């Protein structure tokens, strides 16, 4: 998949990849180690980990939960900052996650989102 990303003209650093996957629509997404502003280091910021834990997702489950949202579900709406919002099965229920994925497939960030917060319908994104 790394070679395919490169053939598409996107920058990817194989030695920094934490996980890579192909989505239902055939796009490739990946999570790199990143930095404080994006990627795994951004996701593992203590305040963000605390948000996930409040939503019922342990620190060790965050990456798996994000990849399940991306690979097994479709977005249910659009949140603030044009982040796609997903409902993903977790434990005995679902957790709602807002995800930022760059156009090239790089996973920038994610955070849990309250189910009481409204989301715009997905089809409005192109209107």
N, C-alpha and C. Protein backbone atom coordinates (compact mmCIF):
# COMPACT_ATOMS: atom_id res chain seq x y z
N UNK A 1 0.82 -1.19 0.00
CA UNK A 1 0.00 0.00 0.00
C UNK A 1 0.86 1.26 0.00
N UNK A 2 2.03 1.18 0.63
CA UNK A 2 2.93 2.34 0.66
C UNK A 2 3.31 2.73 -0.76
N UNK A 3 3.66 1.75 -1.57
CA UNK A 3 4.04 2.02 -2.96
C UNK A 3 2.89 2.66 -3.72
N UNK A 4 1.67 2.21 -3.45
CA UNK A 4 0.50 2.78 -4.12
C UNK A 4 0.31 4.24 -3.72
N UNK A 5 0.48 4.55 -2.45
CA UNK A 5 0.38 5.94 -1.99
C UNK A 5 1.42 6.80 -2.69
N UNK A 6 2.63 6.29 -2.80
CA UNK A 6 3.71 7.04 -3.47
C UNK A 6 3.41 7.23 -4.96
N UNK A 7 2.87 6.19 -5.61
CA UNK A 7 2.52 6.31 -7.04
C UNK A 7 1.49 7.41 -7.25
N UNK A 8 0.66 7.63 -6.26
CA UNK A 8 -0.36 8.69 -6.35
C UNK A 8 0.24 10.07 -6.08
N UNK A 9 1.54 10.09 -5.79
CA UNK A 9 2.23 11.36 -5.60
C UNK A 9 2.20 11.91 -4.19
N UNK A 10 1.84 11.09 -3.22
CA UNK A 10 1.75 11.55 -1.84
C UNK A 10 3.00 11.19 -1.05
N UNK A 11 3.34 12.06 -0.12
CA UNK A 11 4.49 11.82 0.77
C UNK A 11 4.05 10.86 1.88
N UNK A 12 4.84 9.85 2.10
CA UNK A 12 4.58 8.89 3.17
C UNK A 12 5.94 8.40 3.67
N UNK A 13 6.06 8.25 4.98
CA UNK A 13 7.32 7.84 5.59
C UNK A 13 7.13 6.45 6.19
N UNK A 14 7.50 5.40 5.46
CA UNK A 14 7.22 4.03 5.90
C UNK A 14 7.70 3.71 7.31
N UNK A 15 8.87 4.19 7.68
CA UNK A 15 9.39 3.86 9.01
C UNK A 15 8.63 4.54 10.14
N UNK A 16 7.78 5.51 9.82
CA UNK A 16 6.99 6.20 10.84
C UNK A 16 5.52 5.75 10.86
N UNK A 17 5.17 4.82 9.99
CA UNK A 17 3.79 4.34 9.92
C UNK A 17 3.47 3.46 11.12
N UNK A 18 2.37 3.79 11.78
CA UNK A 18 1.86 3.00 12.90
C UNK A 18 0.90 1.95 12.36
N UNK A 19 0.02 2.37 11.44
CA UNK A 19 -0.93 1.46 10.81
C UNK A 19 -1.39 2.06 9.49
N UNK A 20 -1.70 1.19 8.54
CA UNK A 20 -2.18 1.60 7.23
C UNK A 20 -3.31 0.66 6.84
N UNK A 21 -4.32 1.18 6.14
CA UNK A 21 -5.47 0.35 5.77
C UNK A 21 -6.13 0.88 4.51
N UNK A 22 -6.87 -0.01 3.86
CA UNK A 22 -7.67 0.36 2.69
C UNK A 22 -9.12 0.48 3.14
N UNK A 23 -9.77 1.57 2.75
CA UNK A 23 -11.16 1.81 3.13
C UNK A 23 -12.13 1.12 2.19
N UNK A 24 -13.39 1.12 2.58
CA UNK A 24 -14.44 0.50 1.76
C UNK A 24 -14.50 1.12 0.36
N UNK A 25 -14.17 2.41 0.24
CA UNK A 25 -14.21 3.08 -1.06
C UNK A 25 -12.87 3.00 -1.80
N UNK A 26 -11.97 2.14 -1.33
CA UNK A 26 -10.68 1.84 -1.95
C UNK A 26 -9.59 2.87 -1.66
N UNK A 27 -9.90 3.94 -0.91
CA UNK A 27 -8.85 4.88 -0.52
C UNK A 27 -7.95 4.23 0.52
N UNK A 28 -6.73 4.73 0.61
CA UNK A 28 -5.79 4.24 1.62
C UNK A 28 -5.62 5.33 2.67
N UNK A 29 -5.68 4.93 3.93
CA UNK A 29 -5.43 5.86 5.04
C UNK A 29 -4.31 5.28 5.90
N UNK A 30 -3.57 6.17 6.55
CA UNK A 30 -2.52 5.69 7.43
C UNK A 30 -2.32 6.66 8.59
N UNK A 31 -1.80 6.09 9.66
CA UNK A 31 -1.46 6.84 10.86
C UNK A 31 0.05 6.73 11.03
N UNK A 32 0.70 7.88 11.13
CA UNK A 32 2.13 7.91 11.39
C UNK A 32 2.37 8.32 12.84
N UNK A 33 3.61 8.16 13.29
CA UNK A 33 3.97 8.57 14.64
C UNK A 33 3.58 10.02 14.87
N UNK A 34 3.81 10.88 13.89
CA UNK A 34 3.36 12.26 13.93
C UNK A 34 4.11 13.15 14.89
N UNK A 35 3.40 14.20 15.33
CA UNK A 35 3.97 15.19 16.24
C UNK A 35 2.84 15.72 17.13
N UNK A 36 3.09 16.80 17.84
CA UNK A 36 2.06 17.32 18.75
C UNK A 36 0.81 17.79 18.01
N UNK A 37 0.94 18.10 16.71
CA UNK A 37 -0.19 18.63 15.96
C UNK A 37 -0.92 17.63 15.10
N UNK A 38 -0.36 16.43 14.92
CA UNK A 38 -1.02 15.44 14.07
C UNK A 38 -0.45 14.06 14.31
N UNK A 39 -1.19 13.05 13.89
CA UNK A 39 -0.73 11.67 14.01
C UNK A 39 -0.86 11.10 15.41
N UNK A 40 -0.13 10.03 15.65
CA UNK A 40 -0.25 9.30 16.92
C UNK A 40 0.10 10.15 18.13
N UNK A 41 1.17 10.94 18.05
CA UNK A 41 1.53 11.78 19.20
C UNK A 41 0.41 12.75 19.54
N UNK A 42 -0.24 13.29 18.52
CA UNK A 42 -1.38 14.18 18.72
C UNK A 42 -2.53 13.43 19.39
N UNK A 43 -2.80 12.22 18.92
CA UNK A 43 -3.89 11.42 19.49
C UNK A 43 -3.62 11.03 20.94
N UNK A 44 -2.36 10.83 21.28
CA UNK A 44 -2.00 10.37 22.61
C UNK A 44 -1.72 11.50 23.60
N UNK A 45 -2.05 12.73 23.21
CA UNK A 45 -1.96 13.84 24.14
C UNK A 45 -2.82 13.50 25.36
N UNK A 46 -2.31 13.70 26.57
CA UNK A 46 -3.07 13.29 27.77
C UNK A 46 -4.50 13.82 27.83
N UNK A 47 -4.73 15.05 27.39
CA UNK A 47 -6.10 15.58 27.44
C UNK A 47 -7.01 14.85 26.45
N UNK A 48 -6.46 14.47 25.29
CA UNK A 48 -7.26 13.75 24.30
C UNK A 48 -7.53 12.32 24.77
N UNK A 49 -6.52 11.69 25.37
CA UNK A 49 -6.69 10.34 25.92
C UNK A 49 -7.79 10.38 26.98
N UNK A 50 -7.79 11.41 27.80
CA UNK A 50 -8.82 11.55 28.84
C UNK A 50 -10.21 11.66 28.20
N UNK A 51 -10.32 12.39 27.10
CA UNK A 51 -11.61 12.49 26.39
C UNK A 51 -12.08 11.12 25.92
N UNK A 52 -11.16 10.36 25.33
CA UNK A 52 -11.52 9.02 24.86
C UNK A 52 -11.91 8.13 26.03
N UNK A 53 -11.17 8.21 27.12
CA UNK A 53 -11.48 7.37 28.28
C UNK A 53 -12.85 7.72 28.86
N UNK A 54 -13.21 9.00 28.86
CA UNK A 54 -14.55 9.41 29.32
C UNK A 54 -15.64 8.81 28.42
N UNK A 55 -15.29 8.61 27.15
CA UNK A 55 -16.24 8.02 26.19
C UNK A 55 -16.22 6.50 26.24
N UNK A 56 -15.37 5.93 27.11
CA UNK A 56 -15.32 4.48 27.26
C UNK A 56 -14.27 3.77 26.45
N UNK A 57 -13.35 4.53 25.84
CA UNK A 57 -12.29 3.95 25.01
C UNK A 57 -10.96 4.10 25.76
N UNK A 58 -10.38 2.98 26.17
CA UNK A 58 -9.09 3.01 26.86
C UNK A 58 -7.98 3.46 25.92
N UNK A 59 -6.92 4.00 26.48
CA UNK A 59 -5.78 4.47 25.69
C UNK A 59 -5.29 3.41 24.72
N UNK A 60 -5.21 2.17 25.17
CA UNK A 60 -4.71 1.09 24.32
C UNK A 60 -5.67 0.71 23.19
N UNK A 61 -6.90 1.22 23.24
CA UNK A 61 -7.92 0.89 22.23
C UNK A 61 -8.15 2.02 21.22
N UNK A 62 -7.53 3.17 21.42
CA UNK A 62 -7.82 4.33 20.58
C UNK A 62 -7.52 4.07 19.11
N UNK A 63 -6.33 3.59 18.79
CA UNK A 63 -5.96 3.37 17.39
C UNK A 63 -6.88 2.33 16.75
N UNK A 64 -7.14 1.22 17.44
CA UNK A 64 -8.04 0.19 16.91
C UNK A 64 -9.43 0.76 16.64
N UNK A 65 -9.93 1.57 17.55
CA UNK A 65 -11.27 2.14 17.41
C UNK A 65 -11.33 3.09 16.22
N UNK A 66 -10.31 3.90 16.05
CA UNK A 66 -10.26 4.82 14.90
C UNK A 66 -10.24 4.03 13.59
N UNK A 67 -9.43 3.00 13.52
CA UNK A 67 -9.35 2.23 12.28
C UNK A 67 -10.63 1.43 12.03
N UNK A 68 -11.30 0.97 13.08
CA UNK A 68 -12.60 0.31 12.88
C UNK A 68 -13.61 1.31 12.34
N UNK A 69 -13.60 2.52 12.86
CA UNK A 69 -14.52 3.55 12.35
C UNK A 69 -14.28 3.78 10.86
N UNK A 70 -13.03 3.89 10.47
CA UNK A 70 -12.70 4.18 9.08
C UNK A 70 -12.92 3.01 8.14
N UNK A 71 -12.65 1.79 8.59
CA UNK A 71 -12.69 0.64 7.69
C UNK A 71 -13.99 -0.14 7.73
N UNK A 72 -14.78 0.02 8.79
CA UNK A 72 -15.99 -0.80 8.94
C UNK A 72 -17.29 -0.01 8.90
N UNK A 73 -17.21 1.31 8.94
CA UNK A 73 -18.43 2.13 8.96
C UNK A 73 -18.34 3.23 7.93
N UNK A 74 -19.44 3.93 7.76
CA UNK A 74 -19.48 5.11 6.89
C UNK A 74 -19.79 6.31 7.77
N UNK A 75 -19.38 7.51 7.35
CA UNK A 75 -19.66 8.69 8.16
C UNK A 75 -21.16 8.92 8.31
N UNK A 76 -21.55 9.35 9.51
CA UNK A 76 -22.96 9.65 9.77
C UNK A 76 -23.24 11.13 9.63
N UNK A 77 -22.19 11.94 9.52
CA UNK A 77 -22.37 13.37 9.38
C UNK A 77 -21.04 14.10 9.37
N UNK A 78 -21.16 15.42 9.40
CA UNK A 78 -19.98 16.29 9.39
C UNK A 78 -20.05 17.18 10.61
N UNK A 79 -18.96 17.20 11.36
CA UNK A 79 -18.89 18.02 12.56
C UNK A 79 -18.18 19.33 12.30
N UNK A 80 -17.81 20.00 13.37
CA UNK A 80 -17.10 21.27 13.25
C UNK A 80 -15.76 21.06 12.55
N UNK A 81 -15.33 22.07 11.83
CA UNK A 81 -14.07 21.96 11.10
C UNK A 81 -14.13 20.96 9.97
N UNK A 82 -15.33 20.63 9.52
CA UNK A 82 -15.53 19.68 8.42
C UNK A 82 -14.97 18.29 8.71
N UNK A 83 -14.89 17.94 9.99
CA UNK A 83 -14.46 16.58 10.36
C UNK A 83 -15.61 15.62 10.12
N UNK A 84 -15.31 14.48 9.49
CA UNK A 84 -16.33 13.46 9.33
C UNK A 84 -16.56 12.78 10.67
N UNK A 85 -17.81 12.48 10.95
CA UNK A 85 -18.21 11.90 12.23
C UNK A 85 -18.72 10.48 11.98
N UNK A 86 -18.25 9.55 12.81
CA UNK A 86 -18.58 8.14 12.68
C UNK A 86 -19.15 7.61 13.99
N UNK A 87 -20.08 6.68 13.90
CA UNK A 87 -20.52 5.89 15.05
C UNK A 87 -19.90 4.52 14.88
N UNK A 88 -19.13 4.10 15.87
CA UNK A 88 -18.43 2.82 15.78
C UNK A 88 -18.76 1.97 17.00
N UNK A 89 -18.99 0.69 16.76
CA UNK A 89 -19.25 -0.25 17.86
C UNK A 89 -18.04 -0.32 18.77
N UNK A 90 -18.32 -0.26 20.06
CA UNK A 90 -17.25 -0.38 21.04
C UNK A 90 -17.84 -0.94 22.32
N UNK A 91 -17.31 -2.06 22.76
CA UNK A 91 -17.87 -2.69 23.96
C UNK A 91 -19.32 -3.07 23.73
N UNK A 92 -20.18 -2.67 24.65
CA UNK A 92 -21.61 -2.98 24.53
C UNK A 92 -22.41 -1.88 23.88
N UNK A 93 -21.76 -0.91 23.27
CA UNK A 93 -22.48 0.20 22.67
C UNK A 93 -21.73 0.78 21.50
N UNK A 94 -21.99 2.05 21.26
CA UNK A 94 -21.29 2.75 20.18
C UNK A 94 -20.63 4.00 20.75
N UNK A 95 -19.56 4.39 20.12
CA UNK A 95 -18.89 5.64 20.45
C UNK A 95 -18.87 6.47 19.17
N UNK A 96 -19.11 7.76 19.33
CA UNK A 96 -19.09 8.68 18.19
C UNK A 96 -17.72 9.35 18.14
N UNK A 97 -17.11 9.33 16.96
CA UNK A 97 -15.77 9.87 16.79
C UNK A 97 -15.75 10.83 15.59
N UNK A 98 -15.14 11.99 15.80
CA UNK A 98 -14.89 12.94 14.71
C UNK A 98 -13.45 12.74 14.26
N UNK A 99 -13.26 12.59 12.95
CA UNK A 99 -11.93 12.28 12.41
C UNK A 99 -11.50 13.30 11.37
N UNK A 100 -10.23 13.68 11.43
CA UNK A 100 -9.62 14.52 10.40
C UNK A 100 -8.64 13.66 9.63
N UNK A 101 -8.92 13.49 8.34
CA UNK A 101 -8.04 12.74 7.46
C UNK A 101 -7.69 13.67 6.30
N UNK A 102 -6.40 13.87 6.07
CA UNK A 102 -5.97 14.73 4.97
C UNK A 102 -6.38 14.11 3.63
N UNK A 103 -6.41 14.93 2.60
CA UNK A 103 -6.78 14.46 1.27
C UNK A 103 -5.90 13.31 0.79
N UNK A 104 -4.65 13.26 1.26
CA UNK A 104 -3.74 12.20 0.83
C UNK A 104 -3.93 10.90 1.61
N UNK A 105 -4.77 10.92 2.68
CA UNK A 105 -5.03 9.72 3.46
C UNK A 105 -4.38 9.70 4.84
N UNK A 106 -3.56 10.70 5.13
CA UNK A 106 -2.89 10.79 6.43
C UNK A 106 -3.91 11.14 7.51
N UNK A 107 -3.93 10.35 8.57
CA UNK A 107 -4.85 10.60 9.69
C UNK A 107 -4.24 11.68 10.57
N UNK A 108 -4.88 12.84 10.57
CA UNK A 108 -4.38 14.00 11.29
C UNK A 108 -4.76 13.92 12.76
N UNK A 109 -6.04 13.65 13.03
CA UNK A 109 -6.49 13.62 14.41
C UNK A 109 -7.88 13.04 14.55
N UNK A 110 -8.27 12.86 15.80
CA UNK A 110 -9.59 12.30 16.11
C UNK A 110 -9.94 12.66 17.54
N UNK A 111 -11.22 12.76 17.78
CA UNK A 111 -11.68 12.93 19.16
C UNK A 111 -13.10 12.39 19.28
N UNK A 112 -13.44 11.92 20.48
CA UNK A 112 -14.82 11.48 20.68
C UNK A 112 -15.75 12.69 20.60
N UNK A 113 -16.97 12.45 20.23
CA UNK A 113 -17.94 13.53 20.08
C UNK A 113 -19.24 13.09 20.74
N UNK A 114 -19.84 13.99 21.48
CA UNK A 114 -21.10 13.70 22.15
C UNK A 114 -22.19 13.41 21.13
N UNK A 115 -23.00 12.41 21.41
CA UNK A 115 -24.10 12.07 20.51
C UNK A 115 -25.19 13.14 20.52
N UNK A 116 -25.17 14.02 21.52
CA UNK A 116 -26.17 15.09 21.59
C UNK A 116 -25.80 16.28 20.69
N UNK A 117 -24.54 16.35 20.26
CA UNK A 117 -24.13 17.44 19.36
C UNK A 117 -24.59 17.13 17.95
N UNK A 118 -25.18 18.13 17.33
CA UNK A 118 -25.70 17.94 15.98
C UNK A 118 -24.56 17.85 14.97
N UNK A 119 -24.83 17.12 13.89
CA UNK A 119 -23.90 17.02 12.77
C UNK A 119 -24.65 17.38 11.50
N UNK A 120 -23.92 17.95 10.54
CA UNK A 120 -24.52 18.23 9.23
C UNK A 120 -24.58 16.93 8.45
N UNK A 121 -25.61 16.77 7.63
CA UNK A 121 -25.66 15.57 6.79
C UNK A 121 -24.45 15.51 5.86
N UNK A 122 -24.00 14.32 5.57
CA UNK A 122 -22.81 14.13 4.73
C UNK A 122 -23.02 14.73 3.36
N UNK A 123 -24.20 14.60 2.78
CA UNK A 123 -24.43 15.10 1.42
C UNK A 123 -24.31 16.62 1.34
N UNK A 124 -24.40 17.34 2.46
CA UNK A 124 -24.25 18.80 2.45
C UNK A 124 -22.81 19.24 2.25
N UNK A 125 -21.87 18.32 2.38
CA UNK A 125 -20.45 18.68 2.28
C UNK A 125 -20.10 19.21 0.90
N UNK A 126 -20.80 18.77 -0.12
CA UNK A 126 -20.47 19.19 -1.48
C UNK A 126 -21.46 20.22 -2.02
N UNK A 127 -22.43 20.60 -1.24
CA UNK A 127 -23.42 21.58 -1.69
C UNK A 127 -22.86 22.99 -1.67
